[in-house]
Amino acid sequence: MVCPISVGRLEHDHVFVPAAHEASSRLESPQSIPAVRTCIFCDRKANTLEDVWPKWLLASIGHDSTSPTQYWNTIKRPPKTWPGPRFLVKQVCKDCNEGWMSTLENGARRTMGSLVNDISVTLDSDRQQILALWGCKTAMVFEGAKQNKNQFYSEADRHFLRERQVPPTDTLVWIGRYSQSNLLHAEGRKLVARQPIASAPAEDGCATTFVMKKLVIQVLSIKRKPESHAANIRLEVQGGSWGRKLIQIWPVAERRVSWPPTQSFGEHDNSLKELIRRFSVGIRFEGSTQ
């Protein structure tokens, strides 16, 4: 089930993304969603409501129906607020929602249920891929609720995920453990270079972080310049004990990994905030000869 692609890896204060060796999902320019609302994963009409947070996950967390949800679509206006954690979006078609997305949800649930409820497990390569795919799919669904101009993932990225059932090219995914027991949080951050380098092979990036009770998932996707398909990329990462707090699950670096990691993200320190922001300040894209 695992698609053989180059393996990215975390190197202390850098993330190394190797040159792509297969057809890229990012060769096409990003396209905005048409005025007539179509499914973000295919060309059919978006005619069904999708639960961004699956119902089984909300039931597992034991959510409070009166606890407020806040959703920031832009930093220029106050967030939208409503009671309870349920988040519905109309961005997908019935065929996708009840077809491959339902299959993915059922497959991910069996593994995520253990991690969310703090049960130690060993993840083989298939289970790692399913978790990574779920994280990328959910990041795209969350992002679809934004203004079109703020979106990172292109139509080609979303179609690539649906058709191949793997994350987009130049994407890395990690999982970790959070010590608090009732947090439900998602946050996407664009990567902005304070001092862009003209010769750098990458031009943009996005890091999406999910916290679901005990489980943390972080998805990092990089957008290459069209002429840089064969270049390696190094990204600076803000400090943290990432090697002890995170396990890389995509691209699959180890056929079997054990969860939880040796260290957790704490409720009473800044480690979770540091994780969310580790790619967001002072990012520098560089070419690499490694």
Protein backbone atom coordinates (compact mmCIF):
# COMPACT_ATOMS: atom_id res chain seq x y z
CA MET A 1 0.00 0.00 0.00
CA VAL A 2 2.96 2.32 0.52
CA CYS A 3 3.95 4.33 -2.55
CA PRO A 4 7.76 4.34 -2.98
CA ILE A 5 8.92 7.98 -3.00
CA SER A 6 11.92 9.86 -1.68
CA VAL A 7 12.09 10.14 2.11
CA GLY A 8 12.22 13.57 3.72
CA ARG A 9 13.66 13.78 7.22
CA LEU A 10 14.08 16.11 10.16
CA GLU A 11 17.69 17.11 10.83
CA HIS A 12 17.83 18.93 14.19
CA ASP A 13 17.02 22.53 13.18
CA HIS A 14 16.33 21.80 9.51
CA VAL A 15 13.83 19.85 7.46
CA PHE A 16 15.35 18.21 4.40
CA VAL A 17 13.07 17.66 1.38
CA PRO A 18 14.86 15.66 -1.33
CA ALA A 19 14.53 16.20 -5.04
CA ALA A 20 11.36 14.71 -6.46
CA HIS A 21 11.83 11.52 -8.52
CA GLU A 22 8.29 11.08 -9.79
CA ALA A 23 5.61 13.13 -11.52
CA SER A 24 4.85 16.04 -9.23
CA SER A 25 1.39 17.08 -8.09
CA ARG A 26 2.61 20.69 -8.01
CA LEU A 27 3.60 21.30 -11.60
CA GLU A 28 0.33 23.08 -12.32
CA SER A 29 -0.29 26.61 -11.07
CA PRO A 30 -2.77 26.94 -8.17
CA GLN A 31 -6.32 27.44 -9.35
CA SER A 32 -9.07 29.17 -7.43
CA ILE A 33 -12.35 27.39 -6.79
CA PRO A 34 -14.91 28.38 -9.46
CA ALA A 35 -17.89 30.61 -8.67
CA VAL A 36 -20.18 27.61 -9.13
CA ARG A 37 -19.27 25.55 -6.10
CA THR A 38 -17.63 22.31 -7.17
CA CYS A 39 -16.14 19.49 -5.14
CA ILE A 40 -12.60 20.38 -4.07
CA PHE A 41 -11.43 16.85 -4.92
CA CYS A 42 -13.06 16.40 -8.34
CA ASP A 43 -15.11 18.34 -10.90
CA ARG A 44 -18.56 17.35 -9.68
CA LYS A 45 -20.99 19.68 -7.94
CA ALA A 46 -20.45 20.08 -4.18
CA ASN A 47 -23.83 18.80 -3.07
CA THR A 48 -23.29 17.36 0.40
CA LEU A 49 -22.26 18.58 3.84
CA GLU A 50 -19.00 17.23 5.27
CA ASP A 51 -18.19 17.02 8.98
CA VAL A 52 -14.66 18.43 9.22
CA TRP A 53 -14.34 16.86 12.66
CA PRO A 54 -15.77 13.33 12.26
CA LYS A 55 -18.61 12.43 14.58
CA TRP A 56 -16.75 9.45 16.02
CA LEU A 57 -13.89 11.76 17.02
CA LEU A 58 -16.22 14.19 18.79
CA ALA A 59 -17.85 11.28 20.63
CA SER A 60 -14.45 9.94 21.65
CA ILE A 61 -13.35 13.29 23.05
CA GLY A 62 -16.62 13.69 24.94
CA HIS A 63 -17.38 17.17 23.66
CA ASP A 64 -19.56 19.74 25.35
CA SER A 65 -22.31 20.89 22.98
CA THR A 66 -22.26 24.36 24.58
CA SER A 67 -18.49 24.86 24.44
CA PRO A 68 -17.79 27.56 21.82
CA THR A 69 -15.93 26.98 18.58
CA GLN A 70 -13.98 29.86 17.07
CA TYR A 71 -12.97 29.91 13.43
CA TRP A 72 -10.60 32.50 12.00
CA ASN A 73 -10.96 32.88 8.23
CA THR A 74 -8.74 35.97 8.24
CA ILE A 75 -6.75 37.85 10.87
CA LYS A 76 -8.38 41.10 9.73
CA ARG A 77 -11.79 40.28 11.22
CA PRO A 78 -13.03 38.70 14.46
CA PRO A 79 -13.55 34.93 14.36
CA LYS A 80 -16.84 33.24 13.62
CA THR A 81 -18.19 31.68 16.81
CA TRP A 82 -20.85 29.04 17.40
CA PRO A 83 -21.75 26.61 20.20
CA GLY A 84 -20.33 23.11 20.12
CA PRO A 85 -17.44 21.67 18.11
CA ARG A 86 -19.35 20.46 15.05
CA PHE A 87 -18.00 22.07 11.87
CA LEU A 88 -19.91 21.49 8.63
CA VAL A 89 -18.71 22.58 5.18
CA LYS A 90 -20.25 22.21 1.74
CA GLN A 91 -17.17 21.55 -0.36
CA VAL A 92 -17.41 17.95 -1.53
CA CYS A 93 -19.70 15.88 -3.71
CA LYS A 94 -21.75 12.90 -2.60
CA ASP A 95 -19.60 10.48 -4.61
CA CYS A 96 -16.38 11.57 -2.85
CA ASN A 97 -18.00 11.93 0.57
CA GLU A 98 -19.65 8.50 0.53
CA GLY A 99 -16.91 6.83 -1.50
CA TRP A 100 -13.14 7.14 -1.00
CA MET A 101 -13.47 9.67 1.85
CA SER A 102 -15.73 7.31 3.81
CA THR A 103 -13.32 4.43 3.18
CA LEU A 104 -10.42 6.57 4.39
CA GLU A 105 -12.33 7.67 7.48
CA ASN A 106 -13.18 4.09 8.43
CA GLY A 107 -9.58 3.00 7.91
CA ALA A 108 -8.13 5.91 9.88
CA ARG A 109 -10.62 5.52 12.71
CA ARG A 110 -9.28 2.14 13.74
CA THR A 111 -5.80 3.57 14.25
CA MET A 112 -6.67 7.10 15.38
CA GLY A 113 -9.07 5.77 18.00
CA SER A 114 -6.15 4.20 19.86
CA LEU A 115 -3.92 7.28 19.60
CA VAL A 116 -6.65 9.74 20.57
CA ASN A 117 -7.37 7.65 23.68
CA ASP A 118 -3.71 7.34 24.64
CA ILE A 119 -3.29 3.65 23.89
CA SER A 120 0.28 2.64 23.01
CA VAL A 121 0.47 1.04 19.58
CA THR A 122 2.95 -0.02 16.92
CA LEU A 123 2.23 1.50 13.52
CA ASP A 124 3.26 -0.39 10.41
CA SER A 125 3.79 1.41 7.10
CA ASP A 126 0.17 0.97 5.96
CA ARG A 127 -1.21 2.53 9.13
CA GLN A 128 1.28 5.38 8.89
CA GLN A 129 0.16 6.09 5.34
CA ILE A 130 -3.52 6.10 6.31
CA LEU A 131 -2.88 8.57 9.14
CA ALA A 132 -0.84 10.82 6.85
CA LEU A 133 -3.49 10.69 4.15
CA TRP A 134 -6.22 11.55 6.66
CA GLY A 135 -4.17 14.51 7.92
CA CYS A 136 -3.63 15.87 4.40
CA LYS A 137 -7.26 15.36 3.38
CA THR A 138 -8.48 17.13 6.51
CA ALA A 139 -6.01 19.99 6.03
CA MET A 140 -7.43 20.51 2.53
CA VAL A 141 -11.02 20.44 3.79
CA PHE A 142 -10.24 22.97 6.54
CA GLU A 143 -8.45 25.19 4.06
CA GLY A 144 -11.38 25.02 1.65
CA ALA A 145 -13.41 27.13 4.06
CA LYS A 146 -10.97 30.02 3.62
CA GLN A 147 -11.08 32.81 1.12
CA ASN A 148 -9.75 31.53 -2.21
CA LYS A 149 -6.87 33.98 -2.25
CA ASN A 150 -5.55 32.55 1.03
CA GLN A 151 -5.52 28.92 -0.08
CA PHE A 152 -2.28 27.01 -0.46
CA TYR A 153 -3.27 23.65 -1.95
CA SER A 154 -4.03 23.71 -5.66
CA GLU A 155 -6.69 21.84 -7.58
CA ALA A 156 -3.90 19.58 -8.86
CA ASP A 157 -2.84 18.77 -5.26
CA ARG A 158 -6.37 17.81 -4.25
CA HIS A 159 -6.98 15.69 -7.35
CA PHE A 160 -3.59 14.01 -6.86
CA LEU A 161 -4.57 13.00 -3.31
CA ARG A 162 -7.91 11.56 -4.42
CA GLU A 163 -6.55 9.71 -7.44
CA ARG A 164 -3.37 8.27 -5.91
CA GLN A 165 -4.45 8.00 -2.26
CA VAL A 166 -1.16 9.45 -1.04
CA PRO A 167 -0.24 12.95 0.22
CA PRO A 168 0.87 15.52 -2.36
CA THR A 169 4.47 15.64 -3.52
CA ASP A 170 6.89 17.44 -1.13
CA THR A 171 4.70 16.78 1.92
CA LEU A 172 5.88 15.52 5.31
CA VAL A 173 3.66 14.40 8.18
CA TRP A 174 4.47 13.85 11.87
CA ILE A 175 2.50 12.66 14.89
CA GLY A 176 2.99 13.40 18.58
CA ARG A 177 1.26 13.23 21.95
CA TYR A 178 -0.42 16.03 23.91
CA SER A 179 -0.76 15.75 27.68
CA GLN A 180 -4.14 17.49 27.92
CA SER A 181 -7.22 15.33 27.41
CA ASN A 182 -9.98 17.50 25.92
CA LEU A 183 -8.46 19.88 23.39
CA LEU A 184 -9.69 20.01 19.79
CA HIS A 185 -7.69 22.42 17.68
CA ALA A 186 -6.64 22.95 14.06
CA GLU A 187 -4.40 25.68 12.71
CA GLY A 188 -2.90 26.27 9.28
CA ARG A 189 0.02 28.65 8.75
CA LYS A 190 1.56 29.75 5.49
CA LEU A 191 5.36 29.78 5.43
CA VAL A 192 6.68 33.26 4.76
CA ALA A 193 10.33 34.01 4.10
CA ARG A 194 11.50 37.25 5.69
CA GLN A 195 14.47 37.34 3.33
CA PRO A 196 13.56 35.40 0.19
CA ILE A 197 16.48 33.91 -1.73
CA ALA A 198 16.10 34.25 -5.49
CA SER A 199 17.92 31.00 -6.16
CA ALA A 200 15.93 28.98 -3.59
CA PRO A 201 14.05 26.03 -5.15
CA ALA A 202 10.90 26.56 -3.04
CA GLU A 203 8.58 29.53 -3.15
CA ASP A 204 5.89 28.77 -0.57
CA GLY A 205 4.78 26.31 2.08
CA CYS A 206 2.01 25.53 4.54
CA ALA A 207 2.05 23.81 7.94
CA THR A 208 -1.25 22.53 9.36
CA THR A 209 -1.38 21.26 12.94
CA PHE A 210 -4.19 19.22 14.48
CA VAL A 211 -4.61 18.52 18.20
CA MET A 212 -7.27 15.92 19.01
CA LYS A 213 -7.31 14.95 22.67
CA LYS A 214 -3.98 13.08 23.03
CA LEU A 215 -3.07 12.98 19.35
CA VAL A 216 -1.11 15.65 17.50
CA ILE A 217 -0.73 15.57 13.69
CA GLN A 218 1.35 18.10 11.75
CA VAL A 219 1.31 18.30 7.95
CA LEU A 220 3.98 20.29 6.09
CA SER A 221 3.68 20.87 2.35
CA ILE A 222 6.18 22.75 0.21
CA LYS A 223 5.57 24.38 -3.16
CA ARG A 224 8.50 24.25 -5.56
CA LYS A 225 9.31 26.69 -8.29
CA PRO A 226 8.53 25.09 -11.68
CA GLU A 227 12.20 25.00 -12.66
CA SER A 228 13.31 23.38 -9.37
CA HIS A 229 11.83 19.90 -9.70
CA ALA A 230 15.24 18.22 -9.34
CA ALA A 231 16.56 20.38 -6.47
CA ASN A 232 16.88 19.43 -2.81
CA ILE A 233 15.35 21.79 -0.24
CA ARG A 234 16.34 22.66 3.32
CA LEU A 235 14.01 24.57 5.63
CA GLU A 236 15.08 26.21 8.84
CA VAL A 237 13.03 25.10 11.85
CA GLN A 238 12.56 26.99 15.10
CA GLY A 239 14.14 25.24 18.09
CA GLY A 240 12.52 22.38 19.97
CA SER A 241 13.02 18.73 20.95
CA TRP A 242 11.28 17.63 17.78
CA GLY A 243 13.18 14.36 17.44
CA ARG A 244 11.91 13.24 20.86
CA LYS A 245 8.39 14.67 20.56
CA LEU A 246 7.49 13.78 16.98
CA ILE A 247 7.41 10.64 14.86
CA GLN A 248 7.60 11.03 11.09
CA ILE A 249 4.93 8.96 9.35
CA TRP A 250 5.17 10.38 5.83
CA PRO A 251 7.12 9.73 3.78
CA VAL A 252 7.48 6.47 5.67
CA ALA A 253 10.95 6.54 7.21
CA GLU A 254 10.65 3.33 9.28
CA ARG A 255 8.47 0.35 8.50
CA ARG A 256 7.36 0.08 12.13
CA VAL A 257 7.21 2.89 14.69
CA SER A 258 5.97 2.94 18.28
CA TRP A 259 3.57 5.55 19.63
CA PRO A 260 3.68 7.58 21.86
CA PRO A 261 7.05 9.35 21.43
CA THR A 262 9.45 9.59 24.34
CA GLN A 263 8.31 13.15 25.15
CA SER A 264 4.89 14.85 25.04
CA PHE A 265 3.66 18.35 24.38
CA GLY A 266 2.71 19.87 27.72
CA GLU A 267 -0.40 21.65 28.88
CA HIS A 268 1.58 24.02 31.11
CA ASP A 269 4.42 25.03 28.80
CA ASN A 270 4.82 26.59 25.37
CA SER A 271 5.80 23.44 23.50
CA LEU A 272 2.53 23.13 21.57
CA LYS A 273 2.64 26.77 20.53
CA GLU A 274 6.26 26.31 19.48
CA LEU A 275 5.25 23.31 17.36
CA ILE A 276 2.49 25.23 15.59
CA ARG A 277 4.82 28.13 14.87
CA ARG A 278 8.07 26.27 14.24
CA PHE A 279 7.88 26.89 10.48
CA SER A 280 6.16 30.29 10.56
CA VAL A 281 8.83 32.82 11.60
CA GLY A 282 12.11 33.55 9.86
CA ILE A 283 11.69 30.74 7.36
CA ARG A 284 14.46 30.48 4.83
CA PHE A 285 14.33 28.30 1.75
CA GLU A 286 17.72 27.13 0.57
CA GLY A 287 19.13 24.88 -2.06
CA SER A 288 20.95 21.84 -0.69
CA THR A 289 23.60 19.57 -2.16
CA GLN A 290 23.02 16.78 0.35
